[in-house]
Amino acid sequence: MKSAYELAMERLNRQSPSAAKPLNAEQKRKIADLDSLYRAKIAEKEIALKPAIEEARFGEDPEKLETLEKGLREAVRALREEMEREKEKVRAG
């Protein structure tokens, strides 16, 4: 008798057979490079906005603080989505 995990994996493989295909060394290297690149881009955004966020926090300007933090969250989310799209391109071929 198969476990729930095994059944779920079989179902996933039927729905998306490319997801089960193992990555070759070149694809793994490209994905690792993308991880590194996008971590650096995210760190750049955080470093660039950190002084303004701290200034708003200590200047007790809640509207500006909220706007800056929201902008940072959206920028990080967009970069992560972009990274995942790039990884999917590598995985696809």
N, C-alpha and C. Protein backbone atom coordinates (compact mmCIF):
# COMPACT_ATOMS: atom_id res chain seq x y z
N MET A 1 0.85 -1.18 0.00
CA MET A 1 0.00 0.00 0.00
C MET A 1 0.89 1.24 0.00
N LYS A 2 0.54 2.23 -0.83
CA LYS A 2 1.35 3.43 -0.97
C LYS A 2 0.95 4.47 0.07
N SER A 3 1.94 5.26 0.46
CA SER A 3 1.67 6.32 1.43
C SER A 3 1.02 7.51 0.71
N ALA A 4 0.47 8.40 1.48
CA ALA A 4 -0.14 9.61 0.92
C ALA A 4 0.90 10.42 0.16
N TYR A 5 2.13 10.43 0.68
CA TYR A 5 3.21 11.16 0.02
C TYR A 5 3.49 10.57 -1.36
N GLU A 6 3.59 9.25 -1.45
CA GLU A 6 3.86 8.60 -2.73
C GLU A 6 2.75 8.86 -3.73
N LEU A 7 1.53 8.81 -3.27
CA LEU A 7 0.39 9.09 -4.16
C LEU A 7 0.41 10.53 -4.65
N ALA A 8 0.73 11.45 -3.75
CA ALA A 8 0.80 12.86 -4.14
C ALA A 8 1.91 13.09 -5.15
N MET A 9 3.05 12.45 -4.95
CA MET A 9 4.17 12.60 -5.89
C MET A 9 3.81 12.03 -7.26
N GLU A 10 3.13 10.91 -7.30
CA GLU A 10 2.70 10.34 -8.57
C GLU A 10 1.75 11.28 -9.29
N ARG A 11 0.82 11.84 -8.54
CA ARG A 11 -0.14 12.79 -9.12
C ARG A 11 0.59 14.02 -9.66
N LEU A 12 1.55 14.50 -8.91
CA LEU A 12 2.33 15.67 -9.34
C LEU A 12 3.10 15.35 -10.61
N ASN A 13 3.69 14.18 -10.68
CA ASN A 13 4.45 13.78 -11.87
C ASN A 13 3.56 13.65 -13.09
N ARG A 14 2.34 13.19 -12.92
CA ARG A 14 1.40 13.10 -14.05
C ARG A 14 1.00 14.49 -14.53
N GLN A 15 0.83 15.42 -13.59
CA GLN A 15 0.41 16.78 -13.95
C GLN A 15 1.55 17.57 -14.55
N SER A 16 2.75 17.38 -14.08
CA SER A 16 3.89 18.16 -14.52
C SER A 16 5.12 17.26 -14.61
N PRO A 17 5.25 16.52 -15.69
CA PRO A 17 6.37 15.58 -15.77
C PRO A 17 7.73 16.26 -15.78
N SER A 18 7.81 17.50 -16.25
CA SER A 18 9.11 18.18 -16.29
C SER A 18 9.61 18.50 -14.89
N ALA A 19 8.72 18.60 -13.91
CA ALA A 19 9.13 18.91 -12.55
C ALA A 19 9.93 17.77 -11.94
N ALA A 20 9.70 16.54 -12.43
CA ALA A 20 10.38 15.39 -11.88
C ALA A 20 11.74 15.15 -12.53
N LYS A 21 12.01 15.81 -13.65
CA LYS A 21 13.26 15.60 -14.37
C LYS A 21 14.42 16.17 -13.56
N PRO A 22 15.43 15.36 -13.29
CA PRO A 22 16.57 15.86 -12.50
C PRO A 22 17.37 16.91 -13.27
N LEU A 23 17.97 17.81 -12.53
CA LEU A 23 18.78 18.86 -13.13
C LEU A 23 20.19 18.35 -13.40
N ASN A 24 20.76 18.83 -14.50
CA ASN A 24 22.16 18.47 -14.76
C ASN A 24 23.07 19.47 -14.05
N ALA A 25 24.37 19.24 -14.11
CA ALA A 25 25.33 20.07 -13.37
C ALA A 25 25.29 21.53 -13.84
N GLU A 26 25.13 21.74 -15.13
CA GLU A 26 25.09 23.11 -15.67
C GLU A 26 23.85 23.86 -15.17
N GLN A 27 22.71 23.17 -15.15
CA GLN A 27 21.48 23.80 -14.65
C GLN A 27 21.62 24.13 -13.16
N LYS A 28 22.21 23.24 -12.39
CA LYS A 28 22.41 23.49 -10.97
C LYS A 28 23.31 24.70 -10.76
N ARG A 29 24.37 24.81 -11.58
CA ARG A 29 25.28 25.94 -11.47
C ARG A 29 24.57 27.25 -11.81
N LYS A 30 23.76 27.22 -12.88
CA LYS A 30 23.03 28.43 -13.27
C LYS A 30 22.04 28.85 -12.20
N ILE A 31 21.36 27.90 -11.60
CA ILE A 31 20.40 28.21 -10.54
C ILE A 31 21.13 28.77 -9.32
N ALA A 32 22.27 28.20 -8.98
CA ALA A 32 23.07 28.73 -7.86
C ALA A 32 23.53 30.15 -8.16
N ASP A 33 23.94 30.40 -9.41
CA ASP A 33 24.34 31.76 -9.80
C ASP A 33 23.17 32.74 -9.69
N LEU A 34 21.98 32.29 -10.10
CA LEU A 34 20.80 33.15 -9.99
C LEU A 34 20.49 33.46 -8.53
N ASP A 35 20.58 32.44 -7.67
CA ASP A 35 20.37 32.67 -6.24
C ASP A 35 21.32 33.73 -5.71
N SER A 36 22.57 33.59 -6.05
CA SER A 36 23.59 34.54 -5.59
C SER A 36 23.32 35.94 -6.12
N LEU A 37 23.02 36.03 -7.41
CA LEU A 37 22.76 37.33 -8.04
C LEU A 37 21.57 38.04 -7.40
N TYR A 38 20.48 37.31 -7.21
CA TYR A 38 19.28 37.94 -6.67
C TYR A 38 19.39 38.22 -5.17
N ARG A 39 20.15 37.42 -4.44
CA ARG A 39 20.41 37.77 -3.04
C ARG A 39 21.17 39.09 -2.97
N ALA A 40 22.11 39.27 -3.90
CA ALA A 40 22.87 40.52 -3.93
C ALA A 40 21.96 41.69 -4.29
N LYS A 41 21.06 41.50 -5.25
CA LYS A 41 20.15 42.58 -5.64
C LYS A 41 19.22 42.97 -4.48
N ILE A 42 18.75 41.97 -3.77
CA ILE A 42 17.87 42.23 -2.62
C ILE A 42 18.65 42.97 -1.53
N ALA A 43 19.87 42.54 -1.28
CA ALA A 43 20.70 43.21 -0.27
C ALA A 43 20.97 44.66 -0.69
N GLU A 44 21.19 44.89 -1.97
CA GLU A 44 21.39 46.25 -2.48
C GLU A 44 20.19 47.14 -2.15
N LYS A 45 19.00 46.62 -2.42
CA LYS A 45 17.77 47.39 -2.14
C LYS A 45 17.67 47.70 -0.65
N GLU A 46 17.93 46.68 0.17
CA GLU A 46 17.82 46.88 1.61
C GLU A 46 18.84 47.90 2.10
N ILE A 47 20.06 47.81 1.60
CA ILE A 47 21.10 48.75 2.02
C ILE A 47 20.77 50.16 1.55
N ALA A 48 20.24 50.28 0.34
CA ALA A 48 19.92 51.60 -0.20
C ALA A 48 18.79 52.28 0.58
N LEU A 49 17.81 51.49 1.02
CA LEU A 49 16.66 52.07 1.72
C LEU A 49 16.82 52.13 3.23
N LYS A 50 17.77 51.41 3.78
CA LYS A 50 17.93 51.35 5.24
C LYS A 50 18.10 52.73 5.88
N PRO A 51 18.96 53.61 5.36
CA PRO A 51 19.11 54.93 6.00
C PRO A 51 17.80 55.74 6.00
N ALA A 52 17.06 55.69 4.91
CA ALA A 52 15.80 56.43 4.85
C ALA A 52 14.77 55.84 5.82
N ILE A 53 14.75 54.52 5.93
CA ILE A 53 13.83 53.86 6.85
C ILE A 53 14.18 54.21 8.29
N GLU A 54 15.46 54.17 8.61
CA GLU A 54 15.89 54.52 9.97
C GLU A 54 15.58 55.99 10.28
N GLU A 55 15.79 56.85 9.31
CA GLU A 55 15.49 58.27 9.51
C GLU A 55 14.00 58.48 9.78
N ALA A 56 13.16 57.79 9.03
CA ALA A 56 11.72 57.91 9.24
C ALA A 56 11.31 57.32 10.59
N ARG A 57 11.96 56.23 10.97
CA ARG A 57 11.64 55.58 12.24
C ARG A 57 12.01 56.48 13.42
N PHE A 58 13.21 57.05 13.38
CA PHE A 58 13.65 57.90 14.49
C PHE A 58 13.09 59.31 14.41
N GLY A 59 12.69 59.72 13.22
CA GLY A 59 12.05 61.02 13.05
C GLY A 59 10.58 60.96 13.37
N GLU A 60 10.12 59.76 13.71
CA GLU A 60 8.72 59.54 14.07
C GLU A 60 7.78 60.03 12.99
N ASP A 61 8.05 59.61 11.76
CA ASP A 61 7.19 59.92 10.62
C ASP A 61 6.57 58.59 10.15
N PRO A 62 5.45 58.19 10.77
CA PRO A 62 4.89 56.87 10.49
C PRO A 62 4.43 56.68 9.04
N GLU A 63 3.94 57.74 8.42
CA GLU A 63 3.50 57.61 7.02
C GLU A 63 4.68 57.33 6.11
N LYS A 64 5.75 58.08 6.28
CA LYS A 64 6.94 57.89 5.46
C LYS A 64 7.55 56.51 5.72
N LEU A 65 7.59 56.12 6.98
CA LEU A 65 8.12 54.82 7.36
C LEU A 65 7.32 53.71 6.68
N GLU A 66 6.01 53.79 6.76
CA GLU A 66 5.16 52.78 6.16
C GLU A 66 5.35 52.72 4.64
N THR A 67 5.45 53.88 4.01
CA THR A 67 5.65 53.95 2.56
C THR A 67 6.98 53.31 2.16
N LEU A 68 8.04 53.64 2.89
CA LEU A 68 9.35 53.08 2.59
C LEU A 68 9.40 51.57 2.81
N GLU A 69 8.83 51.11 3.92
CA GLU A 69 8.83 49.68 4.20
C GLU A 69 7.99 48.92 3.18
N LYS A 70 6.87 49.51 2.79
CA LYS A 70 6.03 48.87 1.78
C LYS A 70 6.77 48.81 0.44
N GLY A 71 7.45 49.89 0.09
CA GLY A 71 8.24 49.91 -1.15
C GLY A 71 9.33 48.85 -1.14
N LEU A 72 9.98 48.69 -0.01
CA LEU A 72 11.02 47.67 0.12
C LEU A 72 10.43 46.27 -0.02
N ARG A 73 9.33 46.03 0.66
CA ARG A 73 8.68 44.71 0.56
C ARG A 73 8.28 44.39 -0.88
N GLU A 74 7.72 45.38 -1.57
CA GLU A 74 7.30 45.17 -2.96
C GLU A 74 8.50 44.94 -3.87
N ALA A 75 9.58 45.67 -3.65
CA ALA A 75 10.79 45.49 -4.46
C ALA A 75 11.38 44.10 -4.24
N VAL A 76 11.43 43.66 -3.00
CA VAL A 76 11.96 42.33 -2.68
C VAL A 76 11.06 41.26 -3.30
N ARG A 77 9.75 41.42 -3.18
CA ARG A 77 8.82 40.45 -3.76
C ARG A 77 9.00 40.38 -5.28
N ALA A 78 9.12 41.52 -5.93
CA ALA A 78 9.30 41.55 -7.38
C ALA A 78 10.61 40.87 -7.79
N LEU A 79 11.66 41.11 -7.04
CA LEU A 79 12.94 40.46 -7.34
C LEU A 79 12.86 38.96 -7.15
N ARG A 80 12.17 38.52 -6.12
CA ARG A 80 12.03 37.07 -5.89
C ARG A 80 11.20 36.42 -6.99
N GLU A 81 10.15 37.11 -7.43
CA GLU A 81 9.34 36.57 -8.53
C GLU A 81 10.16 36.49 -9.81
N GLU A 82 10.94 37.52 -10.06
CA GLU A 82 11.81 37.54 -11.24
C GLU A 82 12.82 36.39 -11.17
N MET A 83 13.39 36.16 -9.99
CA MET A 83 14.34 35.08 -9.79
C MET A 83 13.68 33.73 -10.09
N GLU A 84 12.47 33.53 -9.60
CA GLU A 84 11.79 32.26 -9.83
C GLU A 84 11.48 32.06 -11.32
N ARG A 85 11.12 33.14 -12.02
CA ARG A 85 10.89 33.02 -13.47
C ARG A 85 12.17 32.61 -14.18
N GLU A 86 13.28 33.21 -13.79
CA GLU A 86 14.57 32.88 -14.40
C GLU A 86 14.95 31.42 -14.10
N LYS A 87 14.70 30.98 -12.88
CA LYS A 87 15.00 29.59 -12.52
C LYS A 87 14.15 28.62 -13.34
N GLU A 88 12.90 28.97 -13.55
CA GLU A 88 12.02 28.10 -14.35
C GLU A 88 12.52 27.99 -15.77
N LYS A 89 13.05 29.07 -16.32
CA LYS A 89 13.63 29.02 -17.67
C LYS A 89 14.80 28.05 -17.70
N VAL A 90 15.63 28.08 -16.66
CA VAL A 90 16.77 27.17 -16.60
C VAL A 90 16.29 25.74 -16.47
N ARG A 91 15.30 25.52 -15.61
CA ARG A 91 14.79 24.16 -15.40
C ARG A 91 14.15 23.61 -16.67
N ALA A 92 13.47 24.48 -17.42
CA ALA A 92 12.76 24.05 -18.63
C ALA A 92 13.74 23.66 -19.74
N GLY A 93 14.93 24.20 -19.71
CA GLY A 93 15.79 23.72 -20.74
C GLY A 93 16.81 24.61 -21.24
